[in-house]
Amino acid sequence: MGSVTEREPFRTRIKVRHYELDTLGHLNHAVYHSYGEVSRLELLERAGALKDMGNVASVLLETNVVFRRELRAGDEVDVTCDVKFGSGKTFKMDSNIYKLDGTLAAEITCTMGLMDLELRKLVADPRGRFEAAGADMKLLSTAE
């Protein structure tokens, strides 16, 4: 009986720029949110989840960052992104920011939805919409 290997979530590499620092010399708190957004959009693009979605777009409903270690100018980080679908109108797109030595620098949790841009309402089955659009569900979510 073989062991189940957990798949690694999608990763995006980002270099911390000097203009992103605060007066303490480490990455400004708001930029962590930007790094999460970069990873979310890269994942959606790579998984083909931005094409053929019709008049529907992903919307950020809630986001939270837990800061674990400081990041400084010149640091390179890997920002993961993994989607977790539930049964309702919302889904999770969570990210971890890791230094290249594997140190966890931050955890970002996001609640997302898919909005019908004409009705200005969330669609009932976001997972089904991604699947119908031909998105790579295994790339989007390690739970698939």
N, C-alpha and C. Protein backbone atom coordinates (compact mmCIF):
# COMPACT_ATOMS: atom_id res chain seq x y z
N MET A 1 0.84 -1.18 0.00
CA MET A 1 0.00 0.00 0.00
C MET A 1 0.90 1.25 0.00
N GLY A 2 0.84 2.04 -1.06
CA GLY A 2 1.69 3.23 -1.17
C GLY A 2 1.13 4.40 -0.39
N SER A 3 2.02 5.31 -0.03
CA SER A 3 1.58 6.50 0.71
C SER A 3 1.08 7.55 -0.27
N VAL A 4 0.15 8.34 0.19
CA VAL A 4 -0.40 9.43 -0.63
C VAL A 4 0.55 10.62 -0.51
N THR A 5 1.00 11.12 -1.64
CA THR A 5 1.89 12.27 -1.63
C THR A 5 1.06 13.52 -1.81
N GLU A 6 1.24 14.47 -0.91
CA GLU A 6 0.53 15.73 -1.06
C GLU A 6 1.17 16.54 -2.16
N ARG A 7 0.31 17.11 -3.02
CA ARG A 7 0.83 17.95 -4.10
C ARG A 7 1.16 19.32 -3.55
N GLU A 8 2.19 19.91 -4.11
CA GLU A 8 2.59 21.27 -3.74
C GLU A 8 1.62 22.26 -4.38
N PRO A 9 1.25 23.32 -3.67
CA PRO A 9 0.41 24.35 -4.29
C PRO A 9 1.22 25.18 -5.29
N PHE A 10 0.51 25.88 -6.13
CA PHE A 10 1.09 26.80 -7.10
C PHE A 10 1.98 27.81 -6.38
N ARG A 11 3.11 28.18 -7.03
CA ARG A 11 4.05 29.15 -6.43
C ARG A 11 4.44 30.22 -7.44
N THR A 12 4.60 31.43 -6.93
CA THR A 12 5.10 32.55 -7.73
C THR A 12 6.29 33.15 -6.98
N ARG A 13 7.40 33.42 -7.67
CA ARG A 13 8.57 34.03 -7.04
C ARG A 13 8.53 35.54 -7.22
N ILE A 14 8.79 36.25 -6.12
CA ILE A 14 8.78 37.72 -6.12
C ILE A 14 10.01 38.21 -5.36
N LYS A 15 10.63 39.28 -5.88
CA LYS A 15 11.76 39.91 -5.20
C LYS A 15 11.28 41.16 -4.48
N VAL A 16 11.63 41.28 -3.21
CA VAL A 16 11.26 42.46 -2.42
C VAL A 16 12.07 43.66 -2.93
N ARG A 17 11.36 44.72 -3.27
CA ARG A 17 11.99 45.94 -3.80
C ARG A 17 12.14 46.99 -2.69
N HIS A 18 13.17 47.82 -2.79
CA HIS A 18 13.44 48.81 -1.73
C HIS A 18 12.29 49.79 -1.53
N TYR A 19 11.56 50.11 -2.59
CA TYR A 19 10.46 51.07 -2.46
C TYR A 19 9.23 50.47 -1.78
N GLU A 20 9.26 49.16 -1.50
CA GLU A 20 8.14 48.50 -0.82
C GLU A 20 8.33 48.47 0.70
N LEU A 21 9.43 49.04 1.18
CA LEU A 21 9.75 48.98 2.61
C LEU A 21 9.09 50.11 3.39
N ASP A 22 8.90 49.87 4.68
CA ASP A 22 8.38 50.92 5.56
C ASP A 22 9.55 51.59 6.28
N THR A 23 9.27 52.46 7.22
CA THR A 23 10.32 53.21 7.92
C THR A 23 11.19 52.32 8.80
N LEU A 24 10.74 51.12 9.12
CA LEU A 24 11.54 50.17 9.91
C LEU A 24 12.50 49.37 9.03
N GLY A 25 12.37 49.54 7.71
CA GLY A 25 13.27 48.82 6.80
C GLY A 25 12.79 47.43 6.43
N HIS A 26 11.54 47.12 6.77
CA HIS A 26 11.02 45.83 6.29
C HIS A 26 9.76 46.04 5.45
N LEU A 27 9.34 44.98 4.79
CA LEU A 27 8.24 45.06 3.83
C LEU A 27 7.00 45.67 4.48
N ASN A 28 6.45 46.70 3.84
CA ASN A 28 5.26 47.37 4.33
C ASN A 28 4.10 46.37 4.38
N HIS A 29 3.29 46.47 5.43
CA HIS A 29 2.20 45.52 5.64
C HIS A 29 1.26 45.41 4.44
N ALA A 30 0.96 46.50 3.78
CA ALA A 30 0.03 46.47 2.65
C ALA A 30 0.58 45.69 1.47
N VAL A 31 1.90 45.64 1.35
CA VAL A 31 2.52 44.96 0.20
C VAL A 31 2.33 43.45 0.29
N TYR A 32 2.21 42.91 1.50
CA TYR A 32 1.92 41.49 1.64
C TYR A 32 0.62 41.15 0.91
N HIS A 33 -0.38 42.02 1.03
CA HIS A 33 -1.64 41.81 0.32
C HIS A 33 -1.41 41.83 -1.19
N SER A 34 -0.56 42.75 -1.65
CA SER A 34 -0.24 42.83 -3.08
C SER A 34 0.42 41.54 -3.56
N TYR A 35 1.35 41.00 -2.78
CA TYR A 35 2.01 39.75 -3.15
C TYR A 35 0.99 38.61 -3.26
N GLY A 36 0.03 38.58 -2.34
CA GLY A 36 -1.03 37.57 -2.41
C GLY A 36 -1.84 37.73 -3.68
N GLU A 37 -2.14 38.98 -4.04
CA GLU A 37 -2.90 39.26 -5.26
C GLU A 37 -2.13 38.83 -6.50
N VAL A 38 -0.83 39.08 -6.53
CA VAL A 38 0.00 38.65 -7.66
C VAL A 38 -0.11 37.13 -7.82
N SER A 39 0.02 36.40 -6.72
CA SER A 39 -0.03 34.94 -6.79
C SER A 39 -1.42 34.45 -7.21
N ARG A 40 -2.48 35.08 -6.68
CA ARG A 40 -3.84 34.68 -7.07
C ARG A 40 -4.07 34.87 -8.56
N LEU A 41 -3.67 36.04 -9.09
CA LEU A 41 -3.89 36.30 -10.51
C LEU A 41 -3.02 35.42 -11.39
N GLU A 42 -1.77 35.16 -10.97
CA GLU A 42 -0.90 34.26 -11.74
C GLU A 42 -1.51 32.86 -11.81
N LEU A 43 -2.03 32.39 -10.66
CA LEU A 43 -2.64 31.06 -10.63
C LEU A 43 -3.88 31.02 -11.53
N LEU A 44 -4.76 32.00 -11.41
CA LEU A 44 -5.96 32.01 -12.24
C LEU A 44 -5.62 32.05 -13.72
N GLU A 45 -4.60 32.84 -14.07
CA GLU A 45 -4.18 32.92 -15.48
C GLU A 45 -3.59 31.59 -15.94
N ARG A 46 -2.68 31.03 -15.16
CA ARG A 46 -2.01 29.78 -15.54
C ARG A 46 -2.99 28.62 -15.64
N ALA A 47 -4.01 28.63 -14.77
CA ALA A 47 -5.00 27.54 -14.76
C ALA A 47 -6.07 27.74 -15.84
N GLY A 48 -5.99 28.84 -16.59
CA GLY A 48 -6.98 29.11 -17.62
C GLY A 48 -8.32 29.54 -17.04
N ALA A 49 -8.30 30.06 -15.81
CA ALA A 49 -9.54 30.43 -15.13
C ALA A 49 -9.95 31.87 -15.38
N LEU A 50 -9.27 32.56 -16.27
CA LEU A 50 -9.65 33.92 -16.63
C LEU A 50 -10.28 33.97 -18.01
N LYS A 51 -10.11 32.87 -18.77
CA LYS A 51 -10.66 32.80 -20.12
C LYS A 51 -12.03 32.14 -20.08
N ASP A 52 -12.88 32.48 -21.01
CA ASP A 52 -14.17 31.82 -21.19
C ASP A 52 -15.05 31.83 -19.95
N MET A 53 -14.90 32.87 -19.12
CA MET A 53 -15.74 32.98 -17.92
C MET A 53 -16.99 33.80 -18.19
N GLY A 54 -17.14 34.26 -19.44
CA GLY A 54 -18.32 35.05 -19.77
C GLY A 54 -18.31 36.37 -19.01
N ASN A 55 -19.45 36.73 -18.49
CA ASN A 55 -19.60 38.01 -17.79
C ASN A 55 -19.44 37.82 -16.28
N VAL A 56 -18.43 37.02 -15.90
CA VAL A 56 -18.20 36.68 -14.49
C VAL A 56 -16.74 36.99 -14.16
N ALA A 57 -16.51 37.57 -12.98
CA ALA A 57 -15.14 37.87 -12.54
C ALA A 57 -14.99 37.53 -11.07
N SER A 58 -13.76 37.16 -10.69
CA SER A 58 -13.51 36.86 -9.28
C SER A 58 -13.45 38.17 -8.49
N VAL A 59 -13.98 38.12 -7.27
CA VAL A 59 -13.97 39.28 -6.38
C VAL A 59 -13.45 38.86 -5.01
N LEU A 60 -12.66 39.73 -4.42
CA LEU A 60 -12.12 39.52 -3.08
C LEU A 60 -13.13 40.04 -2.07
N LEU A 61 -13.55 39.18 -1.16
CA LEU A 61 -14.56 39.54 -0.17
C LEU A 61 -13.96 39.80 1.21
N GLU A 62 -12.87 39.10 1.52
CA GLU A 62 -12.22 39.26 2.82
C GLU A 62 -10.78 38.78 2.71
N THR A 63 -9.88 39.47 3.39
CA THR A 63 -8.48 39.04 3.39
C THR A 63 -7.86 39.32 4.75
N ASN A 64 -6.96 38.44 5.15
CA ASN A 64 -6.29 38.57 6.44
C ASN A 64 -4.84 38.10 6.28
N VAL A 65 -3.92 38.83 6.90
CA VAL A 65 -2.51 38.45 6.87
C VAL A 65 -2.02 38.23 8.30
N VAL A 66 -1.33 37.11 8.49
CA VAL A 66 -0.61 36.86 9.74
C VAL A 66 0.87 36.99 9.40
N PHE A 67 1.55 37.94 10.06
CA PHE A 67 2.96 38.20 9.81
C PHE A 67 3.80 37.30 10.71
N ARG A 68 4.72 36.53 10.13
CA ARG A 68 5.54 35.60 10.89
C ARG A 68 7.01 36.04 10.99
N ARG A 69 7.59 36.48 9.89
CA ARG A 69 8.99 36.91 9.86
C ARG A 69 9.09 38.13 8.95
N GLU A 70 10.02 39.03 9.28
CA GLU A 70 10.16 40.23 8.45
C GLU A 70 10.83 39.89 7.12
N LEU A 71 10.48 40.69 6.13
CA LEU A 71 11.10 40.60 4.81
C LEU A 71 11.78 41.92 4.56
N ARG A 72 12.99 41.85 3.96
CA ARG A 72 13.78 43.05 3.73
C ARG A 72 14.14 43.16 2.25
N ALA A 73 14.61 44.34 1.85
CA ALA A 73 14.97 44.59 0.45
C ALA A 73 15.94 43.53 -0.05
N GLY A 74 15.68 43.04 -1.24
CA GLY A 74 16.54 42.04 -1.86
C GLY A 74 16.14 40.61 -1.56
N ASP A 75 15.34 40.40 -0.51
CA ASP A 75 14.85 39.04 -0.24
C ASP A 75 14.03 38.57 -1.43
N GLU A 76 14.15 37.29 -1.74
CA GLU A 76 13.27 36.68 -2.73
C GLU A 76 12.34 35.76 -1.97
N VAL A 77 11.09 35.74 -2.39
CA VAL A 77 10.10 34.92 -1.72
C VAL A 77 9.30 34.10 -2.73
N ASP A 78 8.81 32.97 -2.27
CA ASP A 78 7.85 32.19 -3.04
C ASP A 78 6.49 32.39 -2.38
N VAL A 79 5.51 32.77 -3.19
CA VAL A 79 4.16 32.99 -2.70
C VAL A 79 3.28 31.88 -3.27
N THR A 80 2.76 31.04 -2.38
CA THR A 80 1.91 29.95 -2.83
C THR A 80 0.49 30.46 -3.00
N CYS A 81 -0.33 29.69 -3.67
CA CYS A 81 -1.75 29.98 -3.76
C CYS A 81 -2.48 28.66 -3.97
N ASP A 82 -3.52 28.45 -3.20
CA ASP A 82 -4.28 27.21 -3.28
C ASP A 82 -5.76 27.53 -3.06
N VAL A 83 -6.61 26.98 -3.91
CA VAL A 83 -8.04 27.22 -3.83
C VAL A 83 -8.70 26.08 -3.05
N LYS A 84 -9.64 26.46 -2.18
CA LYS A 84 -10.45 25.48 -1.46
C LYS A 84 -11.91 25.83 -1.69
N PHE A 85 -12.59 24.91 -2.39
CA PHE A 85 -14.01 25.12 -2.67
C PHE A 85 -14.85 24.49 -1.57
N GLY A 86 -15.94 25.15 -1.23
CA GLY A 86 -16.93 24.59 -0.32
C GLY A 86 -18.21 24.36 -1.09
N SER A 87 -19.33 24.44 -0.40
CA SER A 87 -20.61 24.18 -1.06
C SER A 87 -21.38 25.46 -1.38
N GLY A 88 -20.91 26.59 -0.88
CA GLY A 88 -21.66 27.83 -1.08
C GLY A 88 -21.16 28.68 -2.22
N LYS A 89 -21.50 29.97 -2.15
CA LYS A 89 -21.14 30.93 -3.20
C LYS A 89 -19.70 31.40 -3.08
N THR A 90 -19.06 31.16 -1.94
CA THR A 90 -17.69 31.64 -1.74
C THR A 90 -16.70 30.49 -1.76
N PHE A 91 -15.43 30.85 -1.94
CA PHE A 91 -14.35 29.87 -1.89
C PHE A 91 -13.13 30.56 -1.29
N LYS A 92 -12.15 29.77 -0.90
CA LYS A 92 -10.93 30.30 -0.28
C LYS A 92 -9.80 30.27 -1.30
N MET A 93 -8.98 31.31 -1.28
CA MET A 93 -7.72 31.33 -2.03
C MET A 93 -6.67 31.77 -1.02
N ASP A 94 -5.97 30.78 -0.47
CA ASP A 94 -5.01 31.04 0.59
C ASP A 94 -3.58 30.99 0.08
N SER A 95 -2.74 31.84 0.64
CA SER A 95 -1.35 31.93 0.23
C SER A 95 -0.44 31.91 1.45
N ASN A 96 0.75 31.34 1.26
CA ASN A 96 1.83 31.46 2.23
C ASN A 96 2.99 32.13 1.53
N ILE A 97 3.69 32.99 2.25
CA ILE A 97 4.89 33.62 1.71
C ILE A 97 6.08 33.01 2.42
N TYR A 98 6.97 32.38 1.63
CA TYR A 98 8.14 31.70 2.17
C TYR A 98 9.42 32.37 1.69
N LYS A 99 10.37 32.54 2.61
CA LYS A 99 11.72 32.91 2.18
C LYS A 99 12.30 31.71 1.45
N LEU A 100 13.36 31.92 0.67
CA LEU A 100 13.91 30.83 -0.12
C LEU A 100 14.50 29.71 0.73
N ASP A 101 14.82 30.00 2.01
CA ASP A 101 15.32 28.94 2.89
C ASP A 101 14.17 28.14 3.52
N GLY A 102 12.93 28.45 3.12
CA GLY A 102 11.77 27.72 3.62
C GLY A 102 11.09 28.35 4.81
N THR A 103 11.64 29.44 5.34
CA THR A 103 11.03 30.12 6.49
C THR A 103 9.70 30.74 6.09
N LEU A 104 8.65 30.45 6.86
CA LEU A 104 7.34 31.03 6.62
C LEU A 104 7.35 32.49 7.08
N ALA A 105 7.14 33.42 6.15
CA ALA A 105 7.15 34.85 6.48
C ALA A 105 5.74 35.39 6.74
N ALA A 106 4.74 34.83 6.08
CA ALA A 106 3.36 35.31 6.27
C ALA A 106 2.37 34.29 5.76
N GLU A 107 1.18 34.35 6.33
CA GLU A 107 0.05 33.53 5.89
C GLU A 107 -1.08 34.47 5.51
N ILE A 108 -1.64 34.27 4.33
CA ILE A 108 -2.72 35.12 3.84
C ILE A 108 -3.94 34.24 3.58
N THR A 109 -5.06 34.60 4.19
CA THR A 109 -6.30 33.87 3.93
C THR A 109 -7.27 34.82 3.25
N CYS A 110 -7.91 34.34 2.20
CA CYS A 110 -8.83 35.17 1.43
C CYS A 110 -10.13 34.43 1.17
N THR A 111 -11.23 35.15 1.32
CA THR A 111 -12.53 34.64 0.91
C THR A 111 -12.86 35.33 -0.41
N MET A 112 -13.21 34.52 -1.39
CA MET A 112 -13.45 35.01 -2.75
C MET A 112 -14.85 34.60 -3.20
N GLY A 113 -15.30 35.20 -4.27
CA GLY A 113 -16.52 34.80 -4.93
C GLY A 113 -16.39 35.09 -6.41
N LEU A 114 -17.31 34.57 -7.19
CA LEU A 114 -17.39 34.92 -8.61
C LEU A 114 -18.64 35.77 -8.79
N MET A 115 -18.45 36.98 -9.29
CA MET A 115 -19.56 37.91 -9.44
C MET A 115 -20.05 37.96 -10.88
N ASP A 116 -21.36 37.87 -11.04
CA ASP A 116 -22.00 38.13 -12.32
C ASP A 116 -21.97 39.65 -12.49
N LEU A 117 -21.25 40.12 -13.50
CA LEU A 117 -21.00 41.55 -13.65
C LEU A 117 -22.23 42.34 -14.09
N GLU A 118 -23.26 41.67 -14.62
CA GLU A 118 -24.50 42.37 -14.97
C GLU A 118 -25.43 42.44 -13.76
N LEU A 119 -25.60 41.29 -13.09
CA LEU A 119 -26.51 41.24 -11.94
C LEU A 119 -25.88 41.82 -10.68
N ARG A 120 -24.53 41.93 -10.65
CA ARG A 120 -23.78 42.39 -9.48
C ARG A 120 -24.07 41.51 -8.27
N LYS A 121 -24.18 40.21 -8.53
CA LYS A 121 -24.42 39.21 -7.48
C LYS A 121 -23.44 38.06 -7.66
N LEU A 122 -23.15 37.37 -6.56
CA LEU A 122 -22.28 36.20 -6.63
C LEU A 122 -23.01 35.04 -7.30
N VAL A 123 -22.28 34.29 -8.12
CA VAL A 123 -22.86 33.09 -8.74
C VAL A 123 -22.95 31.99 -7.69
N ALA A 124 -23.88 31.07 -7.89
CA ALA A 124 -24.17 30.04 -6.90
C ALA A 124 -23.08 28.97 -6.80
N ASP A 125 -22.44 28.63 -7.92
CA ASP A 125 -21.51 27.49 -7.92
C ASP A 125 -20.18 27.89 -8.56
N PRO A 126 -19.30 28.56 -7.80
CA PRO A 126 -18.05 29.02 -8.42
C PRO A 126 -17.19 27.87 -8.96
N ARG A 127 -17.13 26.75 -8.24
CA ARG A 127 -16.33 25.61 -8.72
C ARG A 127 -16.85 25.14 -10.08
N GLY A 128 -18.17 25.03 -10.19
CA GLY A 128 -18.78 24.60 -11.45
C GLY A 128 -18.49 25.56 -12.59
N ARG A 129 -18.46 26.86 -12.28
CA ARG A 129 -18.16 27.87 -13.30
C ARG A 129 -16.72 27.74 -13.80
N PHE A 130 -15.79 27.54 -12.87
CA PHE A 130 -14.38 27.33 -13.27
C PHE A 130 -14.26 26.08 -14.13
N GLU A 131 -14.91 25.01 -13.70
CA GLU A 131 -14.84 23.74 -14.43
C GLU A 131 -15.44 23.89 -15.83
N ALA A 132 -16.60 24.54 -15.93
CA ALA A 132 -17.26 24.74 -17.21
C ALA A 132 -16.42 25.58 -18.17
N ALA A 133 -15.61 26.49 -17.60
CA ALA A 133 -14.76 27.35 -18.43
C ALA A 133 -13.48 26.61 -18.86
N GLY A 134 -13.31 25.37 -18.39
CA GLY A 134 -12.14 24.58 -18.80
C GLY A 134 -10.90 24.85 -17.96
N ALA A 135 -11.07 25.41 -16.77
CA ALA A 135 -9.92 25.68 -15.90
C ALA A 135 -9.27 24.37 -15.46
N ASP A 136 -7.97 24.41 -15.26
CA ASP A 136 -7.21 23.26 -14.76
C ASP A 136 -7.46 23.16 -13.25
N MET A 137 -8.41 22.34 -12.86
CA MET A 137 -8.84 22.25 -11.46
C MET A 137 -7.74 21.71 -10.56
N LYS A 138 -6.89 20.83 -11.09
CA LYS A 138 -5.80 20.27 -10.29
C LYS A 138 -4.72 21.31 -10.00
N LEU A 139 -4.53 22.26 -10.92
CA LEU A 139 -3.58 23.35 -10.66
C LEU A 139 -4.19 24.35 -9.68
N LEU A 140 -5.48 24.63 -9.83
CA LEU A 140 -6.15 25.57 -8.93
C LEU A 140 -6.13 25.09 -7.49
N SER A 141 -6.36 23.78 -7.28
CA SER A 141 -6.56 23.28 -5.93
C SER A 141 -5.86 21.96 -5.70
N THR A 142 -5.09 21.90 -4.63
CA THR A 142 -4.43 20.62 -4.27
C THR A 142 -5.45 19.62 -3.74
N ALA A 143 -6.67 20.08 -3.45
CA ALA A 143 -7.71 19.18 -2.96
C ALA A 143 -8.46 18.47 -4.09
N GLU A 144 -8.21 18.87 -5.32
CA GLU A 144 -8.90 18.27 -6.47
C GLU A 144 -8.26 16.95 -6.88
